[in-house]
């Protein structure tokens, strides 16, 4: 898979808002973290 990870919160990440509308896939897994 292609994978993108970042420490910034998902709600404020501008890179996500840039690539998400144009990246296409038939299998996707995404995760938002609250550290234990």
ModelCIF file with pLDDT and N, C-alpha, C, O atoms, coordinates in Angstrom:
data_MODEL
#
_entry.id   MODEL 
#
_entity.id                         1 
_entity.type                       polymer 
_entity.pdbx_number_of_molecules   1 
#
_entity_poly.entity_id                      1 
_entity_poly.type                           'polypeptide(L)' 
_entity_poly.nstd_linkage                   no 
_entity_poly.nstd_monomer                   no 
_entity_poly.pdbx_seq_one_letter_code       
;(UNK)(UNK)(UNK)(UNK)(UNK)(UNK)(UNK)(UNK)(UNK)(UNK)(UNK)(UNK)(UNK)(UNK)(UNK)(UNK)
(UNK)(UNK)(UNK)(UNK)(UNK)(UNK)(UNK)(UNK)(UNK)(UNK)(UNK)(UNK)(UNK)(UNK)(UNK)(UNK)
(UNK)(UNK)(UNK)(UNK)
;
_entity_poly.pdbx_seq_one_letter_code_can   XXXXXXXXXXXXXXXXXXXXXXXXXXXXXXXXXXXX 
_entity_poly.pdbx_strand_id                 A 
#
loop_
_entity_poly_seq.entity_id 
_entity_poly_seq.num 
_entity_poly_seq.mon_id 
_entity_poly_seq.hetero 
1 1  UNK n 
1 2  UNK n 
1 3  UNK n 
1 4  UNK n 
1 5  UNK n 
1 6  UNK n 
1 7  UNK n 
1 8  UNK n 
1 9  UNK n 
1 10 UNK n 
1 11 UNK n 
1 12 UNK n 
1 13 UNK n 
1 14 UNK n 
1 15 UNK n 
1 16 UNK n 
1 17 UNK n 
1 18 UNK n 
1 19 UNK n 
1 20 UNK n 
1 21 UNK n 
1 22 UNK n 
1 23 UNK n 
1 24 UNK n 
1 25 UNK n 
1 26 UNK n 
1 27 UNK n 
1 28 UNK n 
1 29 UNK n 
1 30 UNK n 
1 31 UNK n 
1 32 UNK n 
1 33 UNK n 
1 34 UNK n 
1 35 UNK n 
1 36 UNK n 
#
_struct_asym.id          A 
_struct_asym.entity_id   1 
#
loop_
_ma_qa_metric.id 
_ma_qa_metric.mode 
_ma_qa_metric.name 
_ma_qa_metric.software_group_id 
_ma_qa_metric.type 
1 global pLDDT . pLDDT 
2 local  pLDDT . pLDDT 
#
_ma_qa_metric_global.metric_id      1 
_ma_qa_metric_global.metric_value   89.58 
_ma_qa_metric_global.model_id       1 
_ma_qa_metric_global.ordinal_id     1 
#
loop_
_ma_qa_metric_local.label_asym_id 
_ma_qa_metric_local.label_comp_id 
_ma_qa_metric_local.label_seq_id 
_ma_qa_metric_local.metric_id 
_ma_qa_metric_local.metric_value 
_ma_qa_metric_local.model_id 
_ma_qa_metric_local.ordinal_id 
A UNK 1  2 98.00 1 1  
A UNK 2  2 98.00 1 2  
A UNK 3  2 97.00 1 3  
A UNK 4  2 96.00 1 4  
A UNK 5  2 94.00 1 5  
A UNK 6  2 89.00 1 6  
A UNK 7  2 83.00 1 7  
A UNK 8  2 82.00 1 8  
A UNK 9  2 82.00 1 9  
A UNK 10 2 79.00 1 10 
A UNK 11 2 83.00 1 11 
A UNK 12 2 80.00 1 12 
A UNK 13 2 85.00 1 13 
A UNK 14 2 87.00 1 14 
A UNK 15 2 90.00 1 15 
A UNK 16 2 89.00 1 16 
A UNK 17 2 91.00 1 17 
A UNK 18 2 94.00 1 18 
A UNK 19 2 95.00 1 19 
A UNK 20 2 96.00 1 20 
A UNK 21 2 95.00 1 21 
A UNK 22 2 96.00 1 22 
A UNK 23 2 97.00 1 23 
A UNK 24 2 97.00 1 24 
A UNK 25 2 98.00 1 25 
A UNK 26 2 97.00 1 26 
A UNK 27 2 98.00 1 27 
A UNK 28 2 98.00 1 28 
A UNK 29 2 98.00 1 29 
A UNK 30 2 96.00 1 30 
A UNK 31 2 90.00 1 31 
A UNK 32 2 88.00 1 32 
A UNK 33 2 81.00 1 33 
A UNK 34 2 70.00 1 34 
A UNK 35 2 69.00 1 35 
A UNK 36 2 69.00 1 36 
#
loop_
_atom_site.group_PDB 
_atom_site.id 
_atom_site.type_symbol 
_atom_site.label_atom_id 
_atom_site.label_alt_id 
_atom_site.label_comp_id 
_atom_site.label_asym_id 
_atom_site.label_entity_id 
_atom_site.label_seq_id 
_atom_site.pdbx_PDB_ins_code 
_atom_site.Cartn_x 
_atom_site.Cartn_y 
_atom_site.Cartn_z 
_atom_site.occupancy 
_atom_site.B_iso_or_equiv 
_atom_site.pdbx_formal_charge 
_atom_site.auth_seq_id 
_atom_site.auth_comp_id 
_atom_site.auth_asym_id 
_atom_site.auth_atom_id 
_atom_site.pdbx_PDB_model_num 
ATOM 1   N N  . UNK A 1 1  ? 0.814   -1.220 0.000  1.00 98.00 ? 1  UNK A N  1 
ATOM 2   C CA . UNK A 1 1  ? 0.000   0.000  0.000  1.00 98.00 ? 1  UNK A CA 1 
ATOM 3   C C  . UNK A 1 1  ? 0.846   1.267  0.000  1.00 98.00 ? 1  UNK A C  1 
ATOM 4   O O  . UNK A 1 1  ? 2.013   1.259  0.390  1.00 98.00 ? 1  UNK A O  1 
ATOM 5   N N  . UNK A 1 2  ? 0.231   2.347  -0.444 1.00 98.00 ? 2  UNK A N  1 
ATOM 6   C CA . UNK A 1 2  ? 0.748   3.686  -0.187 1.00 98.00 ? 2  UNK A CA 1 
ATOM 7   C C  . UNK A 1 2  ? 0.321   4.056  1.231  1.00 98.00 ? 2  UNK A C  1 
ATOM 8   O O  . UNK A 1 2  ? -0.806  3.764  1.631  1.00 98.00 ? 2  UNK A O  1 
ATOM 9   N N  . UNK A 1 3  ? 1.202   4.691  1.990  1.00 97.00 ? 3  UNK A N  1 
ATOM 10  C CA . UNK A 1 3  ? 0.839   5.083  3.346  1.00 97.00 ? 3  UNK A CA 1 
ATOM 11  C C  . UNK A 1 3  ? 1.310   6.502  3.630  1.00 97.00 ? 3  UNK A C  1 
ATOM 12  O O  . UNK A 1 3  ? 2.423   6.892  3.275  1.00 97.00 ? 3  UNK A O  1 
ATOM 13  N N  . UNK A 1 4  ? 0.442   7.258  4.275  1.00 96.00 ? 4  UNK A N  1 
ATOM 14  C CA . UNK A 1 4  ? 0.772   8.600  4.753  1.00 96.00 ? 4  UNK A CA 1 
ATOM 15  C C  . UNK A 1 4  ? 0.459   8.638  6.232  1.00 96.00 ? 4  UNK A C  1 
ATOM 16  O O  . UNK A 1 4  ? -0.644  8.272  6.638  1.00 96.00 ? 4  UNK A O  1 
ATOM 17  N N  . UNK A 1 5  ? 1.417   9.080  7.056  1.00 94.00 ? 5  UNK A N  1 
ATOM 18  C CA . UNK A 1 5  ? 1.202   9.249  8.492  1.00 94.00 ? 5  UNK A CA 1 
ATOM 19  C C  . UNK A 1 5  ? 1.749   10.604 8.912  1.00 94.00 ? 5  UNK A C  1 
ATOM 20  O O  . UNK A 1 5  ? 2.720   11.102 8.342  1.00 94.00 ? 5  UNK A O  1 
ATOM 21  N N  . UNK A 1 6  ? 1.118   11.184 9.907  1.00 89.00 ? 6  UNK A N  1 
ATOM 22  C CA . UNK A 1 6  ? 1.586   12.469 10.407 1.00 89.00 ? 6  UNK A CA 1 
ATOM 23  C C  . UNK A 1 6  ? 1.181   12.644 11.857 1.00 89.00 ? 6  UNK A C  1 
ATOM 24  O O  . UNK A 1 6  ? 0.205   12.046 12.311 1.00 89.00 ? 6  UNK A O  1 
ATOM 25  N N  . UNK A 1 7  ? 1.924   13.457 12.584 1.00 83.00 ? 7  UNK A N  1 
ATOM 26  C CA . UNK A 1 7  ? 1.631   13.736 13.989 1.00 83.00 ? 7  UNK A CA 1 
ATOM 27  C C  . UNK A 1 7  ? 0.567   14.800 14.167 1.00 83.00 ? 7  UNK A C  1 
ATOM 28  O O  . UNK A 1 7  ? -0.033  14.900 15.237 1.00 83.00 ? 7  UNK A O  1 
ATOM 29  N N  . UNK A 1 8  ? 0.323   15.597 13.136 1.00 82.00 ? 8  UNK A N  1 
ATOM 30  C CA . UNK A 1 8  ? -0.650  16.674 13.288 1.00 82.00 ? 8  UNK A CA 1 
ATOM 31  C C  . UNK A 1 8  ? -2.062  16.099 13.342 1.00 82.00 ? 8  UNK A C  1 
ATOM 32  O O  . UNK A 1 8  ? -2.319  15.055 12.742 1.00 82.00 ? 8  UNK A O  1 
ATOM 33  N N  . UNK A 1 9  ? -2.972  16.750 14.041 1.00 82.00 ? 9  UNK A N  1 
ATOM 34  C CA . UNK A 1 9  ? -4.352  16.263 14.083 1.00 82.00 ? 9  UNK A CA 1 
ATOM 35  C C  . UNK A 1 9  ? -4.969  16.241 12.693 1.00 82.00 ? 9  UNK A C  1 
ATOM 36  O O  . UNK A 1 9  ? -4.681  17.098 11.858 1.00 82.00 ? 9  UNK A O  1 
ATOM 37  N N  . UNK A 1 10 ? -5.811  15.262 12.460 1.00 79.00 ? 10 UNK A N  1 
ATOM 38  C CA . UNK A 1 10 ? -6.424  15.128 11.136 1.00 79.00 ? 10 UNK A CA 1 
ATOM 39  C C  . UNK A 1 10 ? -7.257  16.355 10.775 1.00 79.00 ? 10 UNK A C  1 
ATOM 40  O O  . UNK A 1 10 ? -7.331  16.737 9.607  1.00 79.00 ? 10 UNK A O  1 
ATOM 41  N N  . UNK A 1 11 ? -7.887  16.978 11.785 1.00 83.00 ? 11 UNK A N  1 
ATOM 42  C CA . UNK A 1 11 ? -8.808  18.070 11.476 1.00 83.00 ? 11 UNK A CA 1 
ATOM 43  C C  . UNK A 1 11 ? -8.116  19.309 10.936 1.00 83.00 ? 11 UNK A C  1 
ATOM 44  O O  . UNK A 1 11 ? -8.767  20.151 10.317 1.00 83.00 ? 11 UNK A O  1 
ATOM 45  N N  . UNK A 1 12 ? -6.801  19.446 11.156 1.00 80.00 ? 12 UNK A N  1 
ATOM 46  C CA . UNK A 1 12 ? -6.113  20.667 10.723 1.00 80.00 ? 12 UNK A CA 1 
ATOM 47  C C  . UNK A 1 12 ? -5.057  20.406 9.659  1.00 80.00 ? 12 UNK A C  1 
ATOM 48  O O  . UNK A 1 12 ? -4.316  21.319 9.296  1.00 80.00 ? 12 UNK A O  1 
ATOM 49  N N  . UNK A 1 13 ? -4.972  19.190 9.155  1.00 85.00 ? 13 UNK A N  1 
ATOM 50  C CA . UNK A 1 13 ? -3.909  18.856 8.214  1.00 85.00 ? 13 UNK A CA 1 
ATOM 51  C C  . UNK A 1 13 ? -4.304  19.253 6.791  1.00 85.00 ? 13 UNK A C  1 
ATOM 52  O O  . UNK A 1 13 ? -5.220  18.670 6.211  1.00 85.00 ? 13 UNK A O  1 
ATOM 53  N N  . UNK A 1 14 ? -3.619  20.230 6.242  1.00 87.00 ? 14 UNK A N  1 
ATOM 54  C CA . UNK A 1 14 ? -3.961  20.715 4.912  1.00 87.00 ? 14 UNK A CA 1 
ATOM 55  C C  . UNK A 1 14 ? -3.506  19.761 3.804  1.00 87.00 ? 14 UNK A C  1 
ATOM 56  O O  . UNK A 1 14 ? -4.117  19.718 2.737  1.00 87.00 ? 14 UNK A O  1 
ATOM 57  N N  . UNK A 1 15 ? -2.440  18.997 4.050  1.00 90.00 ? 15 UNK A N  1 
ATOM 58  C CA . UNK A 1 15 ? -2.024  18.021 3.049  1.00 90.00 ? 15 UNK A CA 1 
ATOM 59  C C  . UNK A 1 15 ? -3.118  16.986 2.806  1.00 90.00 ? 15 UNK A C  1 
ATOM 60  O O  . UNK A 1 15 ? -3.370  16.604 1.663  1.00 90.00 ? 15 UNK A O  1 
ATOM 61  N N  . UNK A 1 16 ? -3.766  16.534 3.877  1.00 89.00 ? 16 UNK A N  1 
ATOM 62  C CA . UNK A 1 16 ? -4.862  15.579 3.739  1.00 89.00 ? 16 UNK A CA 1 
ATOM 63  C C  . UNK A 1 16 ? -5.968  16.159 2.867  1.00 89.00 ? 16 UNK A C  1 
ATOM 64  O O  . UNK A 1 16 ? -6.494  15.470 1.993  1.00 89.00 ? 16 UNK A O  1 
ATOM 65  N N  . UNK A 1 17 ? -6.321  17.409 3.096  1.00 91.00 ? 17 UNK A N  1 
ATOM 66  C CA . UNK A 1 17 ? -7.393  18.027 2.317  1.00 91.00 ? 17 UNK A CA 1 
ATOM 67  C C  . UNK A 1 17 ? -7.001  18.237 0.862  1.00 91.00 ? 17 UNK A C  1 
ATOM 68  O O  . UNK A 1 17 ? -7.863  18.416 0.002  1.00 91.00 ? 17 UNK A O  1 
ATOM 69  N N  . UNK A 1 18 ? -5.708  18.216 0.589  1.00 94.00 ? 18 UNK A N  1 
ATOM 70  C CA . UNK A 1 18 ? -5.242  18.368 -0.781 1.00 94.00 ? 18 UNK A CA 1 
ATOM 71  C C  . UNK A 1 18 ? -5.272  17.053 -1.548 1.00 94.00 ? 18 UNK A C  1 
ATOM 72  O O  . UNK A 1 18 ? -5.753  17.008 -2.681 1.00 94.00 ? 18 UNK A O  1 
ATOM 73  N N  . UNK A 1 19 ? -4.755  15.963 -0.932 1.00 95.00 ? 19 UNK A N  1 
ATOM 74  C CA . UNK A 1 19 ? -4.652  14.719 -1.701 1.00 95.00 ? 19 UNK A CA 1 
ATOM 75  C C  . UNK A 1 19 ? -5.885  13.823 -1.606 1.00 95.00 ? 19 UNK A C  1 
ATOM 76  O O  . UNK A 1 19 ? -6.123  13.022 -2.509 1.00 95.00 ? 19 UNK A O  1 
ATOM 77  N N  . UNK A 1 20 ? -6.673  13.936 -0.539 1.00 96.00 ? 20 UNK A N  1 
ATOM 78  C CA . UNK A 1 20 ? -7.802  13.026 -0.360 1.00 96.00 ? 20 UNK A CA 1 
ATOM 79  C C  . UNK A 1 20 ? -8.824  13.084 -1.497 1.00 96.00 ? 20 UNK A C  1 
ATOM 80  O O  . UNK A 1 20 ? -9.355  12.035 -1.862 1.00 96.00 ? 20 UNK A O  1 
ATOM 81  N N  . UNK A 1 21 ? -9.127  14.243 -2.073 1.00 95.00 ? 21 UNK A N  1 
ATOM 82  C CA . UNK A 1 21 ? -10.114 14.257 -3.152 1.00 95.00 ? 21 UNK A CA 1 
ATOM 83  C C  . UNK A 1 21 ? -9.624  13.655 -4.469 1.00 95.00 ? 21 UNK A C  1 
ATOM 84  O O  . UNK A 1 21 ? -10.439 13.357 -5.343 1.00 95.00 ? 21 UNK A O  1 
ATOM 85  N N  . UNK A 1 22 ? -8.318  13.470 -4.629 1.00 96.00 ? 22 UNK A N  1 
ATOM 86  C CA . UNK A 1 22 ? -7.794  13.002 -5.920 1.00 96.00 ? 22 UNK A CA 1 
ATOM 87  C C  . UNK A 1 22 ? -7.135  11.632 -5.835 1.00 96.00 ? 22 UNK A C  1 
ATOM 88  O O  . UNK A 1 22 ? -6.801  11.059 -6.872 1.00 96.00 ? 22 UNK A O  1 
ATOM 89  N N  . UNK A 1 23 ? -6.937  11.091 -4.644 1.00 97.00 ? 23 UNK A N  1 
ATOM 90  C CA . UNK A 1 23 ? -6.376  9.739  -4.495 1.00 97.00 ? 23 UNK A CA 1 
ATOM 91  C C  . UNK A 1 23 ? -7.520  8.736  -4.536 1.00 97.00 ? 23 UNK A C  1 
ATOM 92  O O  . UNK A 1 23 ? -8.445  8.818  -3.728 1.00 97.00 ? 23 UNK A O  1 
ATOM 93  N N  . UNK A 1 24 ? -7.467  7.794  -5.465 1.00 97.00 ? 24 UNK A N  1 
ATOM 94  C CA . UNK A 1 24 ? -8.525  6.810  -5.669 1.00 97.00 ? 24 UNK A CA 1 
ATOM 95  C C  . UNK A 1 24 ? -8.035  5.423  -5.308 1.00 97.00 ? 24 UNK A C  1 
ATOM 96  O O  . UNK A 1 24 ? -6.887  5.076  -5.585 1.00 97.00 ? 24 UNK A O  1 
ATOM 97  N N  . UNK A 1 25 ? -8.904  4.620  -4.687 1.00 98.00 ? 25 UNK A N  1 
ATOM 98  C CA . UNK A 1 25 ? -8.532  3.250  -4.341 1.00 98.00 ? 25 UNK A CA 1 
ATOM 99  C C  . UNK A 1 25 ? -9.778  2.425  -4.075 1.00 98.00 ? 25 UNK A C  1 
ATOM 100 O O  . UNK A 1 25 ? -10.821 2.943  -3.677 1.00 98.00 ? 25 UNK A O  1 
ATOM 101 N N  . UNK A 1 26 ? -9.638  1.115  -4.306 1.00 97.00 ? 26 UNK A N  1 
ATOM 102 C CA . UNK A 1 26 ? -10.690 0.174  -3.961 1.00 97.00 ? 26 UNK A CA 1 
ATOM 103 C C  . UNK A 1 26 ? -10.484 -0.470 -2.612 1.00 97.00 ? 26 UNK A C  1 
ATOM 104 O O  . UNK A 1 26 ? -11.316 -1.265 -2.176 1.00 97.00 ? 26 UNK A O  1 
ATOM 105 N N  . UNK A 1 27 ? -9.384  -0.143 -1.934 1.00 98.00 ? 27 UNK A N  1 
ATOM 106 C CA . UNK A 1 27 ? -9.117  -0.657 -0.590 1.00 98.00 ? 27 UNK A CA 1 
ATOM 107 C C  . UNK A 1 27 ? -8.392  0.417  0.196  1.00 98.00 ? 27 UNK A C  1 
ATOM 108 O O  . UNK A 1 27 ? -7.276  0.808  -0.148 1.00 98.00 ? 27 UNK A O  1 
ATOM 109 N N  . UNK A 1 28 ? -9.030  0.890  1.248  1.00 98.00 ? 28 UNK A N  1 
ATOM 110 C CA . UNK A 1 28 ? -8.526  2.021  2.023  1.00 98.00 ? 28 UNK A CA 1 
ATOM 111 C C  . UNK A 1 28 ? -8.643  1.697  3.503  1.00 98.00 ? 28 UNK A C  1 
ATOM 112 O O  . UNK A 1 28 ? -9.651  1.141  3.939  1.00 98.00 ? 28 UNK A O  1 
ATOM 113 N N  . UNK A 1 29 ? -7.619  2.041  4.278  1.00 98.00 ? 29 UNK A N  1 
ATOM 114 C CA . UNK A 1 29 ? -7.663  1.936  5.734  1.00 98.00 ? 29 UNK A CA 1 
ATOM 115 C C  . UNK A 1 29 ? -7.132  3.245  6.308  1.00 98.00 ? 29 UNK A C  1 
ATOM 116 O O  . UNK A 1 29 ? -6.050  3.698  5.935  1.00 98.00 ? 29 UNK A O  1 
ATOM 117 N N  . UNK A 1 30 ? -7.893  3.850  7.216  1.00 96.00 ? 30 UNK A N  1 
ATOM 118 C CA . UNK A 1 30 ? -7.467  5.111  7.822  1.00 96.00 ? 30 UNK A CA 1 
ATOM 119 C C  . UNK A 1 30 ? -7.733  5.064  9.320  1.00 96.00 ? 30 UNK A C  1 
ATOM 120 O O  . UNK A 1 30 ? -8.598  4.324  9.789  1.00 96.00 ? 30 UNK A O  1 
ATOM 121 N N  . UNK A 1 31 ? -6.967  5.873  10.068 1.00 90.00 ? 31 UNK A N  1 
ATOM 122 C CA . UNK A 1 31 ? -6.978  5.773  11.526 1.00 90.00 ? 31 UNK A CA 1 
ATOM 123 C C  . UNK A 1 31 ? -6.657  7.130  12.127 1.00 90.00 ? 31 UNK A C  1 
ATOM 124 O O  . UNK A 1 31 ? -5.764  7.828  11.646 1.00 90.00 ? 31 UNK A O  1 
ATOM 125 N N  . UNK A 1 32 ? -7.380  7.512  13.180 1.00 88.00 ? 32 UNK A N  1 
ATOM 126 C CA . UNK A 1 32 ? -7.029  8.689  13.981 1.00 88.00 ? 32 UNK A CA 1 
ATOM 127 C C  . UNK A 1 32 ? -6.713  8.199  15.387 1.00 88.00 ? 32 UNK A C  1 
ATOM 128 O O  . UNK A 1 32 ? -7.414  7.343  15.927 1.00 88.00 ? 32 UNK A O  1 
ATOM 129 N N  . UNK A 1 33 ? -5.655  8.746  15.976 1.00 81.00 ? 33 UNK A N  1 
ATOM 130 C CA . UNK A 1 33 ? -5.090  8.169  17.194 1.00 81.00 ? 33 UNK A CA 1 
ATOM 131 C C  . UNK A 1 33 ? -5.326  9.024  18.423 1.00 81.00 ? 33 UNK A C  1 
ATOM 132 O O  . UNK A 1 33 ? -5.177  10.246 18.392 1.00 81.00 ? 33 UNK A O  1 
ATOM 133 N N  . UNK A 1 34 ? -5.694  8.361  19.500 1.00 70.00 ? 34 UNK A N  1 
ATOM 134 C CA . UNK A 1 34 ? -5.625  8.923  20.840 1.00 70.00 ? 34 UNK A CA 1 
ATOM 135 C C  . UNK A 1 34 ? -4.638  8.046  21.600 1.00 70.00 ? 34 UNK A C  1 
ATOM 136 O O  . UNK A 1 34 ? -4.967  6.915  21.956 1.00 70.00 ? 34 UNK A O  1 
ATOM 137 N N  . UNK A 1 35 ? -3.449  8.543  21.851 1.00 69.00 ? 35 UNK A N  1 
ATOM 138 C CA . UNK A 1 35 ? -2.368  7.731  22.400 1.00 69.00 ? 35 UNK A CA 1 
ATOM 139 C C  . UNK A 1 35 ? -2.731  7.182  23.771 1.00 69.00 ? 35 UNK A C  1 
ATOM 140 O O  . UNK A 1 35 ? -3.290  7.893  24.606 1.00 69.00 ? 35 UNK A O  1 
ATOM 141 N N  . UNK A 1 36 ? -2.409  5.913  23.998 1.00 69.00 ? 36 UNK A N  1 
ATOM 142 C CA . UNK A 1 36 ? -2.599  5.318  25.314 1.00 69.00 ? 36 UNK A CA 1 
ATOM 143 C C  . UNK A 1 36 ? -1.665  5.988  26.314 1.00 69.00 ? 36 UNK A C  1 
ATOM 144 O O  . UNK A 1 36 ? -1.664  5.633  27.493 1.00 69.00 ? 36 UNK A O  1 
#
